[in-house]
Amino acid sequence: MNARILLAERDSQLREYYRAYLDRHGFEVKTASDGLDCLTKIRNSSPDLLILDRDLLWGGSDGVLACLNEDGLDSQLPVILTASCYPCDLRSSPACLERLSHRKLLSKPFHPRHLIEAIHSVIGRFSQGRHRIKECV
């Protein structure tokens, strides 16, 4: 089964570019243009992975991540965080430091092939973590 991805990107051209690329590579992709739309789609469609623009309108990535935390969904949804800055700037955000093993930071602009690599990496780490939890129960 192909991964279901929610791509939450502020820039409509980038959103469509990455959506089309991911679609061509076999992913099931839904998109969101702001934080409210993103949260609604997370709750209604249960994606396997969230690609989240740090500068998303209506709360940005910190607002979306805070709502996921309140809903208890933060540990169930791996996240790739994207931003128009250097990764070291992203790491300075407290919201970015939580659950870093199930998050990946990408600095824009990036080639879509790097996004595919990040998706496989994050989903793989997340799946391994879930497998370890099941073994302990």
N, C-alpha and C. Protein backbone atom coordinates (compact mmCIF):
# COMPACT_ATOMS: atom_id res chain seq x y z
N MET A 1 0.83 -1.18 0.00
CA MET A 1 0.00 0.00 0.00
C MET A 1 0.88 1.24 0.00
N ASN A 2 0.55 2.21 -0.83
CA ASN A 2 1.30 3.45 -0.90
C ASN A 2 0.92 4.37 0.25
N ALA A 3 1.90 5.14 0.70
CA ALA A 3 1.68 6.04 1.83
C ALA A 3 0.69 7.14 1.46
N ARG A 4 -0.16 7.45 2.44
CA ARG A 4 -1.09 8.59 2.30
C ARG A 4 -0.40 9.80 2.93
N ILE A 5 -0.23 10.83 2.13
CA ILE A 5 0.51 12.01 2.57
C ILE A 5 -0.38 13.23 2.54
N LEU A 6 -0.26 14.03 3.59
CA LEU A 6 -0.90 15.35 3.60
C LEU A 6 0.21 16.37 3.43
N LEU A 7 0.12 17.14 2.37
CA LEU A 7 1.10 18.18 2.04
C LEU A 7 0.50 19.53 2.38
N ALA A 8 0.96 20.14 3.47
CA ALA A 8 0.46 21.44 3.91
C ALA A 8 1.51 22.49 3.56
N GLU A 9 1.26 23.23 2.50
CA GLU A 9 2.21 24.19 1.96
C GLU A 9 1.51 25.51 1.66
N ARG A 10 2.09 26.60 2.12
CA ARG A 10 1.52 27.94 1.92
C ARG A 10 1.56 28.37 0.45
N ASP A 11 2.66 28.10 -0.22
CA ASP A 11 2.87 28.55 -1.60
C ASP A 11 2.12 27.62 -2.55
N SER A 12 1.14 28.15 -3.27
CA SER A 12 0.29 27.32 -4.14
C SER A 12 1.08 26.67 -5.27
N GLN A 13 2.09 27.35 -5.81
CA GLN A 13 2.88 26.76 -6.89
C GLN A 13 3.73 25.60 -6.37
N LEU A 14 4.38 25.79 -5.23
CA LEU A 14 5.16 24.69 -4.65
C LEU A 14 4.25 23.53 -4.25
N ARG A 15 3.11 23.86 -3.68
CA ARG A 15 2.16 22.82 -3.26
C ARG A 15 1.78 21.94 -4.45
N GLU A 16 1.44 22.54 -5.56
CA GLU A 16 1.04 21.78 -6.75
C GLU A 16 2.23 21.03 -7.35
N TYR A 17 3.40 21.65 -7.37
CA TYR A 17 4.61 21.02 -7.92
C TYR A 17 4.95 19.74 -7.14
N TYR A 18 5.00 19.86 -5.81
CA TYR A 18 5.33 18.69 -4.99
C TYR A 18 4.21 17.65 -5.02
N ARG A 19 2.96 18.09 -5.04
CA ARG A 19 1.84 17.15 -5.12
C ARG A 19 1.93 16.31 -6.38
N ALA A 20 2.15 16.96 -7.51
CA ALA A 20 2.25 16.25 -8.78
C ALA A 20 3.43 15.28 -8.79
N TYR A 21 4.56 15.70 -8.25
CA TYR A 21 5.75 14.84 -8.21
C TYR A 21 5.49 13.61 -7.34
N LEU A 22 4.93 13.83 -6.17
CA LEU A 22 4.64 12.71 -5.27
C LEU A 22 3.60 11.77 -5.87
N ASP A 23 2.61 12.34 -6.52
CA ASP A 23 1.57 11.54 -7.18
C ASP A 23 2.19 10.65 -8.26
N ARG A 24 3.10 11.21 -9.05
CA ARG A 24 3.77 10.43 -10.10
C ARG A 24 4.61 9.29 -9.51
N HIS A 25 5.03 9.44 -8.27
CA HIS A 25 5.84 8.41 -7.62
C HIS A 25 5.01 7.48 -6.74
N GLY A 26 3.69 7.48 -6.96
CA GLY A 26 2.83 6.48 -6.35
C GLY A 26 2.27 6.80 -4.98
N PHE A 27 2.45 8.02 -4.51
CA PHE A 27 1.89 8.39 -3.21
C PHE A 27 0.48 8.93 -3.39
N GLU A 28 -0.35 8.69 -2.40
CA GLU A 28 -1.70 9.26 -2.36
C GLU A 28 -1.57 10.58 -1.60
N VAL A 29 -1.78 11.70 -2.30
CA VAL A 29 -1.50 13.01 -1.73
C VAL A 29 -2.75 13.87 -1.63
N LYS A 30 -2.96 14.41 -0.43
CA LYS A 30 -3.96 15.45 -0.22
C LYS A 30 -3.19 16.71 0.14
N THR A 31 -3.78 17.87 -0.13
CA THR A 31 -3.08 19.11 0.16
C THR A 31 -3.91 20.00 1.07
N ALA A 32 -3.19 20.89 1.77
CA ALA A 32 -3.81 21.90 2.62
C ALA A 32 -3.05 23.21 2.41
N SER A 33 -3.79 24.31 2.42
CA SER A 33 -3.18 25.61 2.17
C SER A 33 -2.99 26.44 3.43
N ASP A 34 -3.58 26.01 4.55
CA ASP A 34 -3.42 26.74 5.81
C ASP A 34 -3.57 25.78 6.99
N GLY A 35 -3.31 26.29 8.18
CA GLY A 35 -3.35 25.45 9.37
C GLY A 35 -4.70 24.84 9.66
N LEU A 36 -5.76 25.60 9.47
CA LEU A 36 -7.10 25.08 9.74
C LEU A 36 -7.46 23.94 8.79
N ASP A 37 -7.17 24.14 7.50
CA ASP A 37 -7.41 23.11 6.50
C ASP A 37 -6.56 21.87 6.81
N CYS A 38 -5.33 22.09 7.22
CA CYS A 38 -4.43 20.99 7.56
C CYS A 38 -5.00 20.15 8.71
N LEU A 39 -5.42 20.80 9.78
CA LEU A 39 -5.96 20.07 10.93
C LEU A 39 -7.23 19.31 10.58
N THR A 40 -8.09 19.93 9.79
CA THR A 40 -9.33 19.27 9.36
C THR A 40 -9.01 18.00 8.57
N LYS A 41 -8.06 18.10 7.65
CA LYS A 41 -7.72 16.95 6.81
C LYS A 41 -7.00 15.86 7.60
N ILE A 42 -6.22 16.25 8.59
CA ILE A 42 -5.58 15.24 9.44
C ILE A 42 -6.64 14.44 10.18
N ARG A 43 -7.60 15.14 10.74
CA ARG A 43 -8.65 14.49 11.53
C ARG A 43 -9.58 13.65 10.66
N ASN A 44 -9.81 14.07 9.42
CA ASN A 44 -10.76 13.37 8.55
C ASN A 44 -10.14 12.28 7.69
N SER A 45 -8.85 12.37 7.39
CA SER A 45 -8.28 11.41 6.45
C SER A 45 -7.16 10.54 7.01
N SER A 46 -6.71 10.79 8.22
CA SER A 46 -5.67 9.98 8.87
C SER A 46 -4.49 9.68 7.95
N PRO A 47 -3.72 10.70 7.57
CA PRO A 47 -2.57 10.46 6.69
C PRO A 47 -1.48 9.66 7.40
N ASP A 48 -0.62 9.03 6.61
CA ASP A 48 0.52 8.29 7.15
C ASP A 48 1.67 9.23 7.48
N LEU A 49 1.69 10.41 6.84
CA LEU A 49 2.79 11.35 7.01
C LEU A 49 2.29 12.75 6.69
N LEU A 50 2.82 13.73 7.42
CA LEU A 50 2.49 15.13 7.19
C LEU A 50 3.74 15.87 6.73
N ILE A 51 3.65 16.54 5.59
CA ILE A 51 4.70 17.45 5.14
C ILE A 51 4.18 18.84 5.47
N LEU A 52 4.85 19.53 6.38
CA LEU A 52 4.32 20.74 6.99
C LEU A 52 5.23 21.94 6.77
N ASP A 53 4.70 22.95 6.11
CA ASP A 53 5.42 24.21 5.89
C ASP A 53 5.44 25.00 7.19
N ARG A 54 6.62 25.39 7.63
CA ARG A 54 6.76 26.14 8.88
C ARG A 54 5.99 27.45 8.84
N ASP A 55 5.86 28.06 7.66
CA ASP A 55 5.22 29.37 7.52
C ASP A 55 3.77 29.27 7.08
N LEU A 56 3.14 28.15 7.33
CA LEU A 56 1.74 27.95 6.96
C LEU A 56 0.86 29.01 7.61
N LEU A 57 -0.10 29.53 6.85
CA LEU A 57 -1.03 30.51 7.40
C LEU A 57 -1.90 29.89 8.48
N TRP A 58 -2.46 30.69 9.33
CA TRP A 58 -3.35 30.29 10.42
C TRP A 58 -2.66 29.38 11.42
N GLY A 59 -1.61 29.90 12.02
CA GLY A 59 -0.96 29.18 13.12
C GLY A 59 0.42 28.65 12.83
N GLY A 60 0.80 28.58 11.57
CA GLY A 60 2.11 28.05 11.24
C GLY A 60 2.28 26.62 11.72
N SER A 61 3.48 26.11 11.56
CA SER A 61 3.73 24.72 11.96
C SER A 61 3.62 24.56 13.48
N ASP A 62 4.04 25.57 14.24
CA ASP A 62 3.95 25.45 15.70
C ASP A 62 2.50 25.29 16.15
N GLY A 63 1.59 26.04 15.53
CA GLY A 63 0.17 25.93 15.88
C GLY A 63 -0.40 24.57 15.53
N VAL A 64 -0.07 24.07 14.35
CA VAL A 64 -0.55 22.74 13.94
C VAL A 64 0.00 21.67 14.88
N LEU A 65 1.30 21.74 15.17
CA LEU A 65 1.91 20.74 16.05
C LEU A 65 1.34 20.82 17.47
N ALA A 66 1.04 22.02 17.95
CA ALA A 66 0.44 22.17 19.28
C ALA A 66 -0.95 21.53 19.32
N CYS A 67 -1.74 21.74 18.27
CA CYS A 67 -3.07 21.12 18.21
C CYS A 67 -2.98 19.60 18.13
N LEU A 68 -2.02 19.09 17.37
CA LEU A 68 -1.84 17.64 17.30
C LEU A 68 -1.46 17.09 18.67
N ASN A 69 -0.63 17.82 19.39
CA ASN A 69 -0.24 17.41 20.73
C ASN A 69 -1.45 17.38 21.66
N GLU A 70 -2.27 18.41 21.61
CA GLU A 70 -3.48 18.46 22.45
C GLU A 70 -4.43 17.32 22.14
N ASP A 71 -4.53 16.96 20.86
CA ASP A 71 -5.42 15.87 20.44
C ASP A 71 -4.81 14.49 20.66
N GLY A 72 -3.55 14.43 21.09
CA GLY A 72 -2.88 13.15 21.28
C GLY A 72 -2.46 12.49 19.98
N LEU A 73 -2.40 13.26 18.91
CA LEU A 73 -2.04 12.70 17.60
C LEU A 73 -0.57 12.88 17.26
N ASP A 74 0.16 13.66 18.06
CA ASP A 74 1.54 13.98 17.71
C ASP A 74 2.45 12.76 17.67
N SER A 75 2.19 11.76 18.48
CA SER A 75 3.03 10.57 18.47
C SER A 75 2.60 9.57 17.41
N GLN A 76 1.47 9.81 16.77
CA GLN A 76 0.94 8.89 15.77
C GLN A 76 1.21 9.33 14.33
N LEU A 77 1.73 10.54 14.16
CA LEU A 77 1.88 11.09 12.82
C LEU A 77 3.30 11.61 12.60
N PRO A 78 4.09 10.93 11.77
CA PRO A 78 5.42 11.46 11.47
C PRO A 78 5.30 12.73 10.62
N VAL A 79 6.28 13.63 10.80
CA VAL A 79 6.22 14.95 10.17
C VAL A 79 7.54 15.27 9.48
N ILE A 80 7.43 15.81 8.27
CA ILE A 80 8.56 16.45 7.60
C ILE A 80 8.26 17.93 7.62
N LEU A 81 9.12 18.69 8.28
CA LEU A 81 8.95 20.13 8.42
C LEU A 81 9.80 20.83 7.37
N THR A 82 9.19 21.75 6.62
CA THR A 82 9.91 22.49 5.59
C THR A 82 9.89 23.98 5.93
N ALA A 83 10.96 24.68 5.54
CA ALA A 83 11.02 26.12 5.81
C ALA A 83 12.00 26.79 4.86
N SER A 84 11.81 28.07 4.67
CA SER A 84 12.68 28.87 3.82
C SER A 84 13.82 29.45 4.66
N CYS A 85 14.53 28.59 5.35
CA CYS A 85 15.67 29.02 6.16
C CYS A 85 16.60 27.83 6.33
N TYR A 86 17.67 28.01 7.05
CA TYR A 86 18.61 26.93 7.27
C TYR A 86 18.10 25.98 8.35
N PRO A 87 18.44 24.70 8.24
CA PRO A 87 17.97 23.73 9.23
C PRO A 87 18.33 24.10 10.67
N CYS A 88 19.49 24.76 10.88
CA CYS A 88 19.85 25.12 12.25
C CYS A 88 18.84 26.11 12.83
N ASP A 89 18.25 26.97 11.99
CA ASP A 89 17.22 27.89 12.45
C ASP A 89 15.97 27.12 12.86
N LEU A 90 15.65 26.06 12.13
CA LEU A 90 14.48 25.25 12.46
C LEU A 90 14.68 24.55 13.80
N ARG A 91 15.88 24.08 14.06
CA ARG A 91 16.13 23.34 15.29
C ARG A 91 16.02 24.21 16.54
N SER A 92 16.08 25.53 16.36
CA SER A 92 15.98 26.41 17.52
C SER A 92 14.55 26.54 18.02
N SER A 93 13.59 26.07 17.26
CA SER A 93 12.19 26.14 17.67
C SER A 93 11.86 24.99 18.62
N PRO A 94 11.31 25.29 19.81
CA PRO A 94 10.99 24.21 20.76
C PRO A 94 10.06 23.16 20.18
N ALA A 95 9.09 23.57 19.36
CA ALA A 95 8.16 22.59 18.79
C ALA A 95 8.88 21.61 17.87
N CYS A 96 9.98 22.04 17.27
CA CYS A 96 10.73 21.17 16.36
C CYS A 96 11.54 20.13 17.11
N LEU A 97 11.84 20.39 18.37
CA LEU A 97 12.71 19.48 19.10
C LEU A 97 11.98 18.26 19.63
N GLU A 98 10.67 18.38 19.82
CA GLU A 98 9.89 17.25 20.32
C GLU A 98 9.84 16.14 19.27
N ARG A 99 10.01 14.91 19.70
CA ARG A 99 9.88 13.74 18.81
C ARG A 99 10.73 13.86 17.55
N LEU A 100 11.94 14.38 17.67
CA LEU A 100 12.77 14.63 16.49
C LEU A 100 13.05 13.35 15.70
N SER A 101 13.01 12.19 16.35
CA SER A 101 13.27 10.95 15.63
C SER A 101 12.20 10.66 14.59
N HIS A 102 11.01 11.23 14.73
CA HIS A 102 9.95 11.01 13.75
C HIS A 102 9.69 12.27 12.93
N ARG A 103 10.69 13.14 12.91
CA ARG A 103 10.59 14.37 12.13
C ARG A 103 11.84 14.53 11.30
N LYS A 104 11.66 15.19 10.19
CA LYS A 104 12.78 15.51 9.30
C LYS A 104 12.65 16.98 8.98
N LEU A 105 13.77 17.66 8.90
CA LEU A 105 13.79 19.08 8.59
C LEU A 105 14.37 19.28 7.20
N LEU A 106 13.64 19.96 6.33
CA LEU A 106 14.11 20.26 4.98
C LEU A 106 14.09 21.77 4.77
N SER A 107 15.20 22.30 4.29
CA SER A 107 15.30 23.73 4.02
C SER A 107 14.99 23.99 2.55
N LYS A 108 14.03 24.90 2.30
CA LYS A 108 13.66 25.24 0.93
C LYS A 108 14.72 26.16 0.33
N PRO A 109 14.93 26.07 -0.95
CA PRO A 109 14.30 25.14 -1.88
C PRO A 109 15.02 23.79 -1.84
N PHE A 110 14.30 22.74 -2.14
CA PHE A 110 14.89 21.41 -2.21
C PHE A 110 14.31 20.69 -3.42
N HIS A 111 15.11 19.79 -3.97
CA HIS A 111 14.66 19.00 -5.12
C HIS A 111 13.64 17.97 -4.62
N PRO A 112 12.59 17.71 -5.39
CA PRO A 112 11.58 16.74 -4.95
C PRO A 112 12.15 15.36 -4.66
N ARG A 113 13.25 15.00 -5.28
CA ARG A 113 13.86 13.69 -5.00
C ARG A 113 14.32 13.63 -3.54
N HIS A 114 14.75 14.78 -2.98
CA HIS A 114 15.14 14.82 -1.56
C HIS A 114 13.91 14.64 -0.67
N LEU A 115 12.78 15.11 -1.15
CA LEU A 115 11.53 14.93 -0.41
C LEU A 115 11.15 13.44 -0.38
N ILE A 116 11.29 12.77 -1.50
CA ILE A 116 11.02 11.32 -1.57
C ILE A 116 11.94 10.57 -0.59
N GLU A 117 13.22 10.92 -0.59
CA GLU A 117 14.17 10.29 0.33
C GLU A 117 13.77 10.53 1.78
N ALA A 118 13.36 11.75 2.08
CA ALA A 118 12.94 12.09 3.45
C ALA A 118 11.69 11.30 3.84
N ILE A 119 10.76 11.16 2.92
CA ILE A 119 9.53 10.40 3.19
C ILE A 119 9.88 8.96 3.57
N HIS A 120 10.71 8.32 2.77
CA HIS A 120 11.09 6.93 3.05
C HIS A 120 11.83 6.82 4.38
N SER A 121 12.70 7.77 4.65
CA SER A 121 13.47 7.77 5.90
C SER A 121 12.56 7.92 7.12
N VAL A 122 11.68 8.90 7.09
CA VAL A 122 10.82 9.17 8.24
C VAL A 122 9.81 8.05 8.46
N ILE A 123 9.19 7.59 7.39
CA ILE A 123 8.22 6.50 7.53
C ILE A 123 8.91 5.23 8.03
N GLY A 124 10.13 4.97 7.54
CA GLY A 124 10.88 3.81 8.00
C GLY A 124 11.21 3.88 9.48
N ARG A 125 11.69 5.04 9.94
CA ARG A 125 12.00 5.21 11.37
C ARG A 125 10.75 5.10 12.22
N PHE A 126 9.67 5.69 11.74
CA PHE A 126 8.41 5.66 12.48
C PHE A 126 7.89 4.23 12.59
N SER A 127 7.94 3.49 11.49
CA SER A 127 7.48 2.09 11.49
C SER A 127 8.31 1.23 12.42
N GLN A 128 9.62 1.43 12.44
CA GLN A 128 10.49 0.67 13.34
C GLN A 128 10.15 0.98 14.79
N GLY A 129 9.89 2.23 15.10
CA GLY A 129 9.52 2.62 16.46
C GLY A 129 8.22 1.99 16.89
N ARG A 130 7.24 1.96 16.01
CA ARG A 130 5.95 1.34 16.32
C ARG A 130 6.12 -0.16 16.52
N HIS A 131 6.99 -0.79 15.72
CA HIS A 131 7.24 -2.23 15.85
C HIS A 131 7.85 -2.53 17.22
N ARG A 132 8.81 -1.68 17.67
CA ARG A 132 9.43 -1.89 18.98
C ARG A 132 8.41 -1.75 20.10
N ILE A 133 7.50 -0.81 19.97
CA ILE A 133 6.47 -0.62 21.00
C ILE A 133 5.58 -1.85 21.09
N LYS A 134 5.19 -2.41 19.94
CA LYS A 134 4.34 -3.61 19.94
C LYS A 134 5.05 -4.78 20.61
N GLU A 135 6.38 -4.91 20.40
CA GLU A 135 7.13 -6.00 21.02
C GLU A 135 7.15 -5.87 22.53
N CYS A 136 7.13 -4.65 23.05
CA CYS A 136 7.19 -4.43 24.50
C CYS A 136 5.86 -4.65 25.18
N VAL A 137 4.77 -4.60 24.44
CA VAL A 137 3.44 -4.69 25.05
C VAL A 137 3.06 -6.13 25.29
